[in-house]
Amino acid sequence: MKLKNAVYFTPDCTFTAGDLIIHGSRFASAADDKEEIDCKSLYAIPGLIDIHIHGSAGHELCDCTTEALDGMAQYLITEGITSFLPTTMTADENTTKSACRIAGAYKNREHASEVIGIHV
């Protein structure tokens, strides 16, 4: 896929205008298909990582359910957060342990932000 006319963030931490080619989830030097998207006046930046988030979209880690982590992950990807560390609240020992177990057993979903650890 080619992102035409994008303003993108470069490795030297500046923005430049031009075309970006993406193959799968990586930048590439040549497109593997004919798909093009005109990104005039749009910015392209690397995915963001949230290292401390208690909750989002009405869910939080201390809900201690897979559904809560799914809800967070599905919402966060829409905001450009490609990975995150869910963070526990101040809670009793059993809740904190349960939150840690849920996060540790969580299976990342396609088209959602990725849980890359836990922040206790």
C-alpha atoms as a PDB file:
ATOM      1  CA  MET A   1       0.000   0.000   0.000  1.00  0.00           C
ATOM      2  CA  LYS A   2       1.233   3.482  -0.812  1.00  0.00           C
ATOM      3  CA  LEU A   3       0.345   6.504   1.330  1.00  0.00           C
ATOM      4  CA  LYS A   4       0.713   9.347  -1.154  1.00  0.00           C
ATOM      5  CA  ASN A   5       1.477  12.924  -0.149  1.00  0.00           C
ATOM      6  CA  ALA A   6       1.720  12.158   3.573  1.00  0.00           C
ATOM      7  CA  VAL A   7       3.614  14.290   6.037  1.00  0.00           C
ATOM      8  CA  TYR A   8       5.557  11.685   7.973  1.00  0.00           C
ATOM      9  CA  PHE A   9       7.866  11.483  10.954  1.00  0.00           C
ATOM     10  CA  THR A  10      11.435  10.548  10.037  1.00  0.00           C
ATOM     11  CA  PRO A  11      14.158   8.755  12.024  1.00  0.00           C
ATOM     12  CA  ASP A  12      15.908  12.107  12.589  1.00  0.00           C
ATOM     13  CA  CYS A  13      12.760  13.319  14.437  1.00  0.00           C
ATOM     14  CA  THR A  14      11.524  15.733  11.787  1.00  0.00           C
ATOM     15  CA  PHE A  15       8.500  15.761   9.520  1.00  0.00           C
ATOM     16  CA  THR A  16       8.810  15.567   5.761  1.00  0.00           C
ATOM     17  CA  ALA A  17       6.277  15.362   2.925  1.00  0.00           C
ATOM     18  CA  GLY A  18       6.252  12.465   0.502  1.00  0.00           C
ATOM     19  CA  ASP A  19       5.031   8.946  -0.139  1.00  0.00           C
ATOM     20  CA  LEU A  20       5.235   6.047   2.320  1.00  0.00           C
ATOM     21  CA  ILE A  21       5.019   2.418   1.277  1.00  0.00           C
ATOM     22  CA  ILE A  22       3.698  -0.118   3.765  1.00  0.00           C
ATOM     23  CA  HIS A  23       3.929  -3.883   3.444  1.00  0.00           C
ATOM     24  CA  GLY A  24       1.935  -5.640   6.160  1.00  0.00           C
ATOM     25  CA  SER A  25       2.741  -3.696   9.315  1.00  0.00           C
ATOM     26  CA  ARG A  26       6.164  -2.444   8.178  1.00  0.00           C
ATOM     27  CA  PHE A  27       7.555   0.282   5.970  1.00  0.00           C
ATOM     28  CA  ALA A  28       8.911  -1.033   2.684  1.00  0.00           C
ATOM     29  CA  SER A  29      10.829   0.155  -0.359  1.00  0.00           C
ATOM     30  CA  ALA A  30       8.364  -1.279  -2.888  1.00  0.00           C
ATOM     31  CA  ALA A  31       4.598  -1.804  -2.808  1.00  0.00           C
ATOM     32  CA  ASP A  32       3.260  -5.345  -3.062  1.00  0.00           C
ATOM     33  CA  ASP A  33      -0.107  -4.159  -4.382  1.00  0.00           C
ATOM     34  CA  LYS A  34      -1.642  -1.288  -6.332  1.00  0.00           C
ATOM     35  CA  GLU A  35      -3.537   0.230  -3.377  1.00  0.00           C
ATOM     36  CA  GLU A  36      -2.915   3.943  -2.893  1.00  0.00           C
ATOM     37  CA  ILE A  37      -4.393   6.373  -0.404  1.00  0.00           C
ATOM     38  CA  ASP A  38      -4.060  10.118  -0.893  1.00  0.00           C
ATOM     39  CA  CYS A  39      -2.960  11.501   2.467  1.00  0.00           C
ATOM     40  CA  LYS A  40      -2.644  15.146   1.484  1.00  0.00           C
ATOM     41  CA  SER A  41      -2.732  17.318   4.625  1.00  0.00           C
ATOM     42  CA  LEU A  42      -2.521  14.220   6.867  1.00  0.00           C
ATOM     43  CA  TYR A  43       0.284  13.192   9.206  1.00  0.00           C
ATOM     44  CA  ALA A  44       1.696   9.676   9.506  1.00  0.00           C
ATOM     45  CA  ILE A  45       3.514   8.834  12.730  1.00  0.00           C
ATOM     46  CA  PRO A  46       4.707   5.587  14.322  1.00  0.00           C
ATOM     47  CA  GLY A  47       2.227   3.803  16.558  1.00  0.00           C
ATOM     48  CA  LEU A  48       2.214   5.115  20.123  1.00  0.00           C
ATOM     49  CA  ILE A  49       2.835   3.109  23.308  1.00  0.00           C
ATOM     50  CA  ASP A  50       0.927   3.960  26.479  1.00  0.00           C
ATOM     51  CA  ILE A  51       3.038   2.811  29.430  1.00  0.00           C
ATOM     52  CA  HIS A  52       0.556   3.767  32.172  1.00  0.00           C
ATOM     53  CA  ILE A  53      -3.187   3.537  31.581  1.00  0.00           C
ATOM     54  CA  HIS A  54      -5.747   2.510  34.176  1.00  0.00           C
ATOM     55  CA  GLY A  55      -8.660   2.322  31.792  1.00  0.00           C
ATOM     56  CA  SER A  56     -10.491   3.582  28.745  1.00  0.00           C
ATOM     57  CA  ALA A  57     -13.878   3.347  27.065  1.00  0.00           C
ATOM     58  CA  GLY A  58     -15.574   2.398  30.343  1.00  0.00           C
ATOM     59  CA  HIS A  59     -13.150  -0.444  31.126  1.00  0.00           C
ATOM     60  CA  GLU A  60     -10.207  -0.796  33.481  1.00  0.00           C
ATOM     61  CA  LEU A  61      -7.681  -3.478  34.338  1.00  0.00           C
ATOM     62  CA  CYS A  62      -9.090  -3.922  37.850  1.00  0.00           C
ATOM     63  CA  ASP A  63     -12.408  -5.052  36.329  1.00  0.00           C
ATOM     64  CA  CYS A  64     -10.395  -8.294  36.185  1.00  0.00           C
ATOM     65  CA  THR A  65     -11.988  -9.582  32.977  1.00  0.00           C
ATOM     66  CA  THR A  66     -10.745 -10.415  29.521  1.00  0.00           C
ATOM     67  CA  GLU A  67     -13.654  -8.350  28.186  1.00  0.00           C
ATOM     68  CA  ALA A  68     -12.288  -5.256  29.955  1.00  0.00           C
ATOM     69  CA  LEU A  69      -8.853  -5.686  28.351  1.00  0.00           C
ATOM     70  CA  ASP A  70     -10.500  -6.325  24.977  1.00  0.00           C
ATOM     71  CA  GLY A  71     -12.548  -3.162  25.360  1.00  0.00           C
ATOM     72  CA  MET A  72      -9.452  -1.128  26.189  1.00  0.00           C
ATOM     73  CA  ALA A  73      -7.416  -2.663  23.348  1.00  0.00           C
ATOM     74  CA  GLN A  74     -10.132  -2.115  20.757  1.00  0.00           C
ATOM     75  CA  TYR A  75     -10.626   1.509  21.788  1.00  0.00           C
ATOM     76  CA  LEU A  76      -6.934   2.400  22.109  1.00  0.00           C
ATOM     77  CA  ILE A  77      -6.084   1.279  18.562  1.00  0.00           C
ATOM     78  CA  THR A  78      -8.599   3.840  17.256  1.00  0.00           C
ATOM     79  CA  GLU A  79      -6.555   6.557  18.998  1.00  0.00           C
ATOM     80  CA  GLY A  80      -3.201   5.475  17.526  1.00  0.00           C
ATOM     81  CA  ILE A  81      -2.063   3.497  20.573  1.00  0.00           C
ATOM     82  CA  THR A  82      -0.597   0.311  19.102  1.00  0.00           C
ATOM     83  CA  SER A  83       0.516  -1.186  22.427  1.00  0.00           C
ATOM     84  CA  PHE A  84      -0.038  -0.512  26.110  1.00  0.00           C
ATOM     85  CA  LEU A  85       0.679  -1.563  29.661  1.00  0.00           C
ATOM     86  CA  PRO A  86      -2.586  -1.724  31.602  1.00  0.00           C
ATOM     87  CA  THR A  87      -2.098  -0.347  35.102  1.00  0.00           C
ATOM     88  CA  THR A  88      -3.679  -1.511  38.350  1.00  0.00           C
ATOM     89  CA  MET A  89      -5.568   0.840  40.632  1.00  0.00           C
ATOM     90  CA  THR A  90      -4.984   0.983  44.365  1.00  0.00           C
ATOM     91  CA  ALA A  91      -6.840  -2.189  45.310  1.00  0.00           C
ATOM     92  CA  ASP A  92      -6.797  -5.048  47.785  1.00  0.00           C
ATOM     93  CA  GLU A  93      -4.336  -7.882  47.318  1.00  0.00           C
ATOM     94  CA  ASN A  94      -6.833 -10.306  45.752  1.00  0.00           C
ATOM     95  CA  THR A  95      -7.969  -7.783  43.133  1.00  0.00           C
ATOM     96  CA  THR A  96      -4.385  -6.882  42.250  1.00  0.00           C
ATOM     97  CA  LYS A  97      -3.422 -10.563  41.885  1.00  0.00           C
ATOM     98  CA  SER A  98      -6.514 -11.244  39.784  1.00  0.00           C
ATOM     99  CA  ALA A  99      -5.744  -8.265  37.518  1.00  0.00           C
ATOM    100  CA  CYS A 100      -2.188  -9.551  37.065  1.00  0.00           C
ATOM    101  CA  ARG A 101      -3.435 -13.055  36.199  1.00  0.00           C
ATOM    102  CA  ILE A 102      -5.902 -11.690  33.632  1.00  0.00           C
ATOM    103  CA  ALA A 103      -3.244  -9.495  32.005  1.00  0.00           C
ATOM    104  CA  GLY A 104      -0.697 -12.325  32.000  1.00  0.00           C
ATOM    105  CA  ALA A 105      -3.101 -14.749  30.329  1.00  0.00           C
ATOM    106  CA  TYR A 106      -4.492 -12.214  27.876  1.00  0.00           C
ATOM    107  CA  LYS A 107      -4.219 -13.155  24.202  1.00  0.00           C
ATOM    108  CA  ASN A 108      -3.756 -10.127  21.963  1.00  0.00           C
ATOM    109  CA  ARG A 109      -6.400  -9.671  19.291  1.00  0.00           C
ATOM    110  CA  GLU A 110      -5.931  -8.763  15.651  1.00  0.00           C
ATOM    111  CA  HIS A 111      -6.882  -5.154  14.847  1.00  0.00           C
ATOM    112  CA  ALA A 112      -6.521  -4.078  18.464  1.00  0.00           C
ATOM    113  CA  SER A 113      -3.816  -2.479  20.581  1.00  0.00           C
ATOM    114  CA  GLU A 114      -1.355  -5.012  22.001  1.00  0.00           C
ATOM    115  CA  VAL A 115      -0.910  -5.650  25.724  1.00  0.00           C
ATOM    116  CA  ILE A 116       2.882  -5.736  26.160  1.00  0.00           C
ATOM    117  CA  GLY A 117       3.094  -6.021  29.938  1.00  0.00           C
ATOM    118  CA  ILE A 118       1.480  -4.753  33.101  1.00  0.00           C
ATOM    119  CA  HIS A 119       2.179  -1.717  35.244  1.00  0.00           C
ATOM    120  CA  VAL A 120       1.489  -2.427  38.931  1.00  0.00           C
END
